[in-house]
N, C-alpha and C. Protein backbone atom coordinates (compact mmCIF):
# COMPACT_ATOMS: atom_id res chain seq x y z
N MET A 1 12.15 -2.36 7.15
CA MET A 1 10.80 -2.59 6.70
C MET A 1 10.20 -1.29 6.16
N LEU A 2 10.23 -0.23 6.93
CA LEU A 2 9.75 1.07 6.48
C LEU A 2 10.87 2.08 6.63
N THR A 3 10.93 3.02 5.72
CA THR A 3 11.93 4.06 5.83
C THR A 3 11.24 5.41 5.71
N ASN A 4 11.92 6.42 6.19
CA ASN A 4 11.49 7.80 6.03
C ASN A 4 10.06 8.01 6.52
N ILE A 5 9.79 7.65 7.77
CA ILE A 5 8.45 7.82 8.34
C ILE A 5 8.31 9.25 8.82
N ARG A 6 7.22 9.91 8.41
CA ARG A 6 6.94 11.25 8.91
C ARG A 6 5.44 11.40 9.10
N LYS A 7 5.08 12.19 10.07
CA LYS A 7 3.68 12.42 10.41
C LYS A 7 3.08 13.46 9.48
N ALA A 8 1.88 13.18 8.98
CA ALA A 8 1.18 14.14 8.12
C ALA A 8 0.59 15.25 8.97
N PRO A 9 0.53 16.47 8.44
CA PRO A 9 -0.13 17.55 9.18
C PRO A 9 -1.61 17.19 9.42
N ALA A 10 -2.15 17.62 10.55
CA ALA A 10 -3.52 17.25 10.92
C ALA A 10 -4.53 17.68 9.87
N GLU A 11 -4.34 18.83 9.26
CA GLU A 11 -5.31 19.30 8.26
C GLU A 11 -5.21 18.51 6.96
N GLU A 12 -4.13 17.76 6.78
CA GLU A 12 -3.95 16.99 5.55
C GLU A 12 -4.49 15.57 5.69
N ALA A 13 -4.60 15.08 6.91
CA ALA A 13 -5.03 13.70 7.12
C ALA A 13 -6.15 13.66 8.15
N GLY A 14 -7.37 13.90 7.69
CA GLY A 14 -8.53 13.82 8.57
C GLY A 14 -8.89 12.36 8.85
N ASP A 15 -9.93 12.17 9.66
CA ASP A 15 -10.35 10.82 10.03
C ASP A 15 -10.70 9.97 8.81
N GLN A 16 -11.46 10.53 7.88
CA GLN A 16 -11.85 9.78 6.69
C GLN A 16 -10.64 9.45 5.83
N ASP A 17 -9.72 10.39 5.71
CA ASP A 17 -8.50 10.16 4.93
C ASP A 17 -7.68 9.03 5.52
N ARG A 18 -7.53 9.04 6.84
CA ARG A 18 -6.75 7.99 7.51
C ARG A 18 -7.43 6.63 7.39
N LEU A 19 -8.76 6.61 7.50
CA LEU A 19 -9.50 5.35 7.36
C LEU A 19 -9.35 4.79 5.95
N MET A 20 -9.49 5.63 4.95
CA MET A 20 -9.34 5.16 3.56
C MET A 20 -7.92 4.67 3.29
N ALA A 21 -6.91 5.34 3.88
CA ALA A 21 -5.53 4.88 3.72
C ALA A 21 -5.35 3.50 4.35
N LEU A 22 -5.93 3.29 5.53
CA LEU A 22 -5.88 1.98 6.18
C LEU A 22 -6.51 0.92 5.30
N LEU A 23 -7.71 1.21 4.80
CA LEU A 23 -8.43 0.24 3.98
C LEU A 23 -7.73 -0.03 2.65
N ALA A 24 -6.99 0.95 2.14
CA ALA A 24 -6.26 0.75 0.88
C ALA A 24 -5.24 -0.38 1.01
N TYR A 25 -4.62 -0.51 2.17
CA TYR A 25 -3.64 -1.58 2.37
C TYR A 25 -4.31 -2.91 2.68
N ILE A 26 -5.42 -2.90 3.41
CA ILE A 26 -6.00 -4.15 3.89
C ILE A 26 -6.97 -4.78 2.91
N ILE A 27 -7.78 -4.00 2.21
CA ILE A 27 -8.83 -4.57 1.38
C ILE A 27 -8.36 -4.86 -0.04
N GLY A 28 -7.22 -4.48 -0.39
CA GLY A 28 -6.71 -4.88 -1.69
C GLY A 28 -6.83 -3.82 -2.76
N ILE A 29 -6.98 -4.27 -3.96
CA ILE A 29 -6.92 -3.40 -5.12
C ILE A 29 -8.17 -2.51 -5.24
N ILE A 30 -9.28 -2.92 -4.70
CA ILE A 30 -10.54 -2.20 -4.88
C ILE A 30 -10.51 -0.81 -4.23
N VAL A 31 -10.11 -0.72 -2.97
CA VAL A 31 -10.13 0.57 -2.27
C VAL A 31 -9.14 1.57 -2.89
N PRO A 32 -7.90 1.17 -3.22
CA PRO A 32 -7.04 2.15 -3.90
C PRO A 32 -7.64 2.67 -5.20
N LEU A 33 -8.30 1.80 -5.95
CA LEU A 33 -8.93 2.25 -7.19
C LEU A 33 -10.08 3.21 -6.92
N ILE A 34 -10.85 2.94 -5.87
CA ILE A 34 -11.93 3.86 -5.51
C ILE A 34 -11.36 5.23 -5.17
N ILE A 35 -10.29 5.24 -4.40
CA ILE A 35 -9.66 6.51 -4.02
C ILE A 35 -9.17 7.25 -5.27
N LEU A 36 -8.52 6.52 -6.16
CA LEU A 36 -7.91 7.16 -7.33
C LEU A 36 -8.92 7.54 -8.41
N LEU A 37 -10.12 6.98 -8.37
CA LEU A 37 -11.12 7.28 -9.38
C LEU A 37 -12.23 8.22 -8.89
N THR A 38 -12.10 8.69 -7.65
CA THR A 38 -13.09 9.62 -7.10
C THR A 38 -12.40 10.93 -6.73
N ASP A 39 -13.15 11.81 -6.10
CA ASP A 39 -12.59 13.10 -5.69
C ASP A 39 -11.52 12.97 -4.61
N MET A 40 -11.41 11.80 -4.00
CA MET A 40 -10.37 11.61 -2.98
C MET A 40 -8.97 11.69 -3.57
N LYS A 41 -8.85 11.54 -4.88
CA LYS A 41 -7.53 11.61 -5.51
C LYS A 41 -6.92 13.01 -5.38
N ASN A 42 -7.75 13.99 -5.05
CA ASN A 42 -7.26 15.36 -4.86
C ASN A 42 -6.74 15.61 -3.45
N ARG A 43 -6.93 14.64 -2.55
CA ARG A 43 -6.43 14.76 -1.19
C ARG A 43 -5.09 14.04 -1.12
N PRO A 44 -4.02 14.74 -0.74
CA PRO A 44 -2.67 14.16 -0.81
C PRO A 44 -2.46 12.90 0.03
N PHE A 45 -3.01 12.86 1.24
CA PHE A 45 -2.74 11.71 2.11
C PHE A 45 -3.34 10.41 1.59
N PRO A 46 -4.64 10.36 1.30
CA PRO A 46 -5.16 9.08 0.80
C PRO A 46 -4.61 8.72 -0.58
N LYS A 47 -4.33 9.72 -1.41
CA LYS A 47 -3.78 9.44 -2.74
C LYS A 47 -2.40 8.78 -2.61
N TYR A 48 -1.55 9.32 -1.74
CA TYR A 48 -0.22 8.77 -1.54
C TYR A 48 -0.31 7.29 -1.15
N HIS A 49 -1.16 7.00 -0.17
CA HIS A 49 -1.26 5.62 0.31
C HIS A 49 -1.97 4.71 -0.70
N ALA A 50 -2.93 5.26 -1.44
CA ALA A 50 -3.61 4.45 -2.45
C ALA A 50 -2.64 4.03 -3.55
N VAL A 51 -1.82 4.95 -4.02
CA VAL A 51 -0.84 4.62 -5.06
C VAL A 51 0.16 3.61 -4.53
N GLN A 52 0.67 3.85 -3.33
CA GLN A 52 1.68 2.96 -2.76
C GLN A 52 1.09 1.56 -2.52
N ALA A 53 -0.12 1.50 -1.99
CA ALA A 53 -0.76 0.20 -1.73
C ALA A 53 -1.04 -0.54 -3.04
N LEU A 54 -1.52 0.18 -4.04
CA LEU A 54 -1.84 -0.45 -5.32
C LEU A 54 -0.60 -1.02 -5.98
N VAL A 55 0.48 -0.26 -6.01
CA VAL A 55 1.73 -0.74 -6.61
C VAL A 55 2.25 -1.95 -5.84
N ALA A 56 2.22 -1.89 -4.52
CA ALA A 56 2.71 -3.01 -3.70
C ALA A 56 1.87 -4.26 -3.92
N GLN A 57 0.56 -4.10 -4.01
CA GLN A 57 -0.30 -5.27 -4.18
C GLN A 57 -0.17 -5.88 -5.57
N VAL A 58 -0.01 -5.06 -6.57
CA VAL A 58 0.21 -5.60 -7.92
C VAL A 58 1.55 -6.33 -7.97
N ALA A 59 2.58 -5.75 -7.37
CA ALA A 59 3.89 -6.39 -7.33
C ALA A 59 3.82 -7.74 -6.61
N LEU A 60 3.11 -7.79 -5.49
CA LEU A 60 2.97 -9.05 -4.76
C LEU A 60 2.21 -10.09 -5.56
N THR A 61 1.19 -9.66 -6.28
CA THR A 61 0.43 -10.59 -7.11
C THR A 61 1.32 -11.22 -8.17
N VAL A 62 2.13 -10.40 -8.81
CA VAL A 62 3.04 -10.91 -9.84
C VAL A 62 4.06 -11.86 -9.22
N ILE A 63 4.61 -11.49 -8.06
CA ILE A 63 5.60 -12.35 -7.39
C ILE A 63 4.97 -13.68 -6.99
N PHE A 64 3.77 -13.64 -6.40
CA PHE A 64 3.11 -14.88 -5.99
C PHE A 64 2.78 -15.77 -7.19
N PHE A 65 2.37 -15.16 -8.28
CA PHE A 65 2.08 -15.94 -9.48
C PHE A 65 3.35 -16.63 -9.98
N ALA A 66 4.45 -15.89 -10.02
CA ALA A 66 5.72 -16.46 -10.48
C ALA A 66 6.19 -17.57 -9.54
N LEU A 67 6.07 -17.34 -8.23
CA LEU A 67 6.48 -18.37 -7.27
C LEU A 67 5.58 -19.60 -7.35
N GLY A 68 4.32 -19.39 -7.67
CA GLY A 68 3.39 -20.51 -7.79
C GLY A 68 3.72 -21.44 -8.93
N LEU A 69 4.49 -20.97 -9.90
CA LEU A 69 4.89 -21.81 -11.03
C LEU A 69 6.03 -22.75 -10.69
N ILE A 70 6.72 -22.48 -9.59
CA ILE A 70 7.84 -23.32 -9.15
C ILE A 70 7.29 -24.32 -8.12
N PRO A 71 7.32 -25.62 -8.45
CA PRO A 71 6.64 -26.61 -7.60
C PRO A 71 7.03 -26.59 -6.12
N ILE A 72 8.29 -26.57 -5.82
CA ILE A 72 8.71 -26.66 -4.41
C ILE A 72 8.35 -25.38 -3.66
N ILE A 73 8.58 -24.24 -4.28
CA ILE A 73 8.28 -22.96 -3.63
C ILE A 73 6.78 -22.70 -3.66
N GLY A 74 6.10 -23.20 -4.67
CA GLY A 74 4.66 -22.97 -4.79
C GLY A 74 3.87 -23.46 -3.60
N CYS A 75 4.35 -24.49 -2.92
CA CYS A 75 3.60 -25.02 -1.78
C CYS A 75 3.73 -24.15 -0.54
N ILE A 76 4.70 -23.23 -0.50
CA ILE A 76 4.82 -22.35 0.67
C ILE A 76 4.21 -20.96 0.42
N THR A 77 3.65 -20.75 -0.76
CA THR A 77 3.06 -19.43 -1.03
C THR A 77 1.92 -19.08 -0.07
N PRO A 78 1.13 -20.04 0.45
CA PRO A 78 0.14 -19.63 1.46
C PRO A 78 0.78 -18.99 2.70
N LEU A 79 1.92 -19.52 3.12
CA LEU A 79 2.62 -18.92 4.26
C LEU A 79 3.14 -17.53 3.90
N LEU A 80 3.64 -17.38 2.69
CA LEU A 80 4.10 -16.07 2.24
C LEU A 80 2.92 -15.10 2.14
N GLY A 81 1.78 -15.60 1.72
CA GLY A 81 0.58 -14.77 1.65
C GLY A 81 0.15 -14.28 3.03
N LEU A 82 0.23 -15.16 4.02
CA LEU A 82 -0.10 -14.77 5.39
C LEU A 82 0.87 -13.70 5.90
N ALA A 83 2.16 -13.90 5.61
CA ALA A 83 3.17 -12.91 6.02
C ALA A 83 2.92 -11.57 5.33
N ALA A 84 2.54 -11.62 4.06
CA ALA A 84 2.24 -10.38 3.33
C ALA A 84 1.02 -9.69 3.92
N PHE A 85 0.00 -10.46 4.30
CA PHE A 85 -1.19 -9.88 4.91
C PHE A 85 -0.84 -9.17 6.22
N VAL A 86 -0.04 -9.82 7.05
CA VAL A 86 0.39 -9.21 8.32
C VAL A 86 1.16 -7.92 8.05
N LEU A 87 2.02 -7.94 7.05
CA LEU A 87 2.79 -6.75 6.69
C LEU A 87 1.87 -5.62 6.22
N PHE A 88 0.86 -5.95 5.43
CA PHE A 88 -0.07 -4.93 4.95
C PHE A 88 -0.95 -4.39 6.08
N VAL A 89 -1.27 -5.22 7.06
CA VAL A 89 -2.00 -4.72 8.24
C VAL A 89 -1.11 -3.71 8.97
N TYR A 90 0.17 -4.02 9.11
CA TYR A 90 1.11 -3.09 9.74
C TYR A 90 1.18 -1.77 8.96
N TYR A 91 1.27 -1.86 7.63
CA TYR A 91 1.28 -0.64 6.82
C TYR A 91 -0.02 0.15 7.02
N GLY A 92 -1.13 -0.55 7.08
CA GLY A 92 -2.41 0.11 7.28
C GLY A 92 -2.48 0.82 8.62
N ILE A 93 -1.95 0.21 9.66
CA ILE A 93 -1.94 0.83 10.98
C ILE A 93 -1.08 2.09 10.96
N GLN A 94 0.07 2.00 10.30
CA GLN A 94 0.93 3.18 10.18
C GLN A 94 0.21 4.31 9.45
N ALA A 95 -0.51 3.97 8.40
CA ALA A 95 -1.26 4.98 7.64
C ALA A 95 -2.39 5.55 8.49
N TYR A 96 -3.07 4.71 9.25
CA TYR A 96 -4.16 5.19 10.09
C TYR A 96 -3.66 6.13 11.19
N GLN A 97 -2.44 5.94 11.61
CA GLN A 97 -1.85 6.84 12.60
C GLN A 97 -1.43 8.17 11.99
N GLY A 98 -1.65 8.32 10.68
CA GLY A 98 -1.35 9.58 10.02
C GLY A 98 0.07 9.70 9.52
N ASN A 99 0.75 8.57 9.34
CA ASN A 99 2.15 8.59 8.91
C ASN A 99 2.29 8.42 7.40
N TYR A 100 3.21 9.18 6.85
CA TYR A 100 3.72 8.91 5.51
C TYR A 100 4.94 8.02 5.73
N PHE A 101 5.12 7.03 4.88
CA PHE A 101 6.30 6.18 4.97
C PHE A 101 6.62 5.66 3.58
N GLU A 102 7.82 5.13 3.44
CA GLU A 102 8.25 4.58 2.17
C GLU A 102 8.44 3.08 2.31
N ILE A 103 7.90 2.35 1.35
CA ILE A 103 8.14 0.92 1.27
C ILE A 103 9.31 0.75 0.32
N PRO A 104 10.42 0.16 0.78
CA PRO A 104 11.60 0.05 -0.07
C PRO A 104 11.29 -0.56 -1.43
N GLY A 105 11.76 0.08 -2.46
CA GLY A 105 11.56 -0.38 -3.83
C GLY A 105 10.23 0.07 -4.41
N ILE A 106 9.16 -0.06 -3.68
CA ILE A 106 7.82 0.26 -4.16
C ILE A 106 7.65 1.77 -4.31
N THR A 107 7.97 2.51 -3.26
CA THR A 107 7.80 3.96 -3.29
C THR A 107 8.72 4.60 -4.31
N ALA A 108 9.95 4.12 -4.39
CA ALA A 108 10.89 4.67 -5.38
C ALA A 108 10.39 4.42 -6.80
N PHE A 109 9.85 3.24 -7.06
CA PHE A 109 9.32 2.93 -8.37
C PHE A 109 8.14 3.84 -8.70
N ALA A 110 7.23 4.03 -7.75
CA ALA A 110 6.06 4.88 -7.99
C ALA A 110 6.49 6.33 -8.24
N ARG A 111 7.53 6.78 -7.56
CA ARG A 111 8.03 8.14 -7.82
C ARG A 111 8.68 8.25 -9.19
N GLN A 112 9.42 7.25 -9.60
CA GLN A 112 10.04 7.26 -10.93
C GLN A 112 9.00 7.31 -12.03
N GLN A 113 7.86 6.69 -11.81
CA GLN A 113 6.80 6.69 -12.79
C GLN A 113 5.99 8.00 -12.78
N GLY A 114 6.22 8.84 -11.78
CA GLY A 114 5.50 10.09 -11.65
C GLY A 114 4.15 9.94 -10.97
N TRP A 115 3.91 8.81 -10.33
CA TRP A 115 2.64 8.58 -9.67
C TRP A 115 2.61 9.22 -8.29
N LEU A 116 3.77 9.41 -7.68
CA LEU A 116 3.89 10.06 -6.38
C LEU A 116 4.81 11.27 -6.53
N SER A 117 4.52 12.28 -5.75
CA SER A 117 5.40 13.47 -5.80
C SER A 117 6.33 13.49 -4.62
C-alpha cells in the first residue's frame, strides 16, 4: 500500500504543515490547490503531500469515470469510492504523523513530471 515511509524532520513539518497535508488527502482537490497556489508551496512537507494527493485524486476521478461507463462495473463504483475514501484517510493520518511516503505509481509519475523532487 505504501512504500518508502520516512519521518520528516521536526523543523520541516510543523503542526500547520501536518494539518494541511492531512486535509490535502481528505478534502479533495481544493486543499492541494490552496497549498500549491499560496506561500505554502515553499514549504517542502505540505507541497510534497499536496502534489501527491492532487495527482492521486485526479487519477481516481479518471478511473471512476471510465469504470462508470461500463454498466456492470459502474454499479459497484460507490463501493470503490468508499474504499478510496478509507485509503485517503489512511494517507492523511500518515501525513499528519509527519511521514513522507510513496503511493505506488502516483509518486513515481509525479517525480517523472518534475512535480516532486
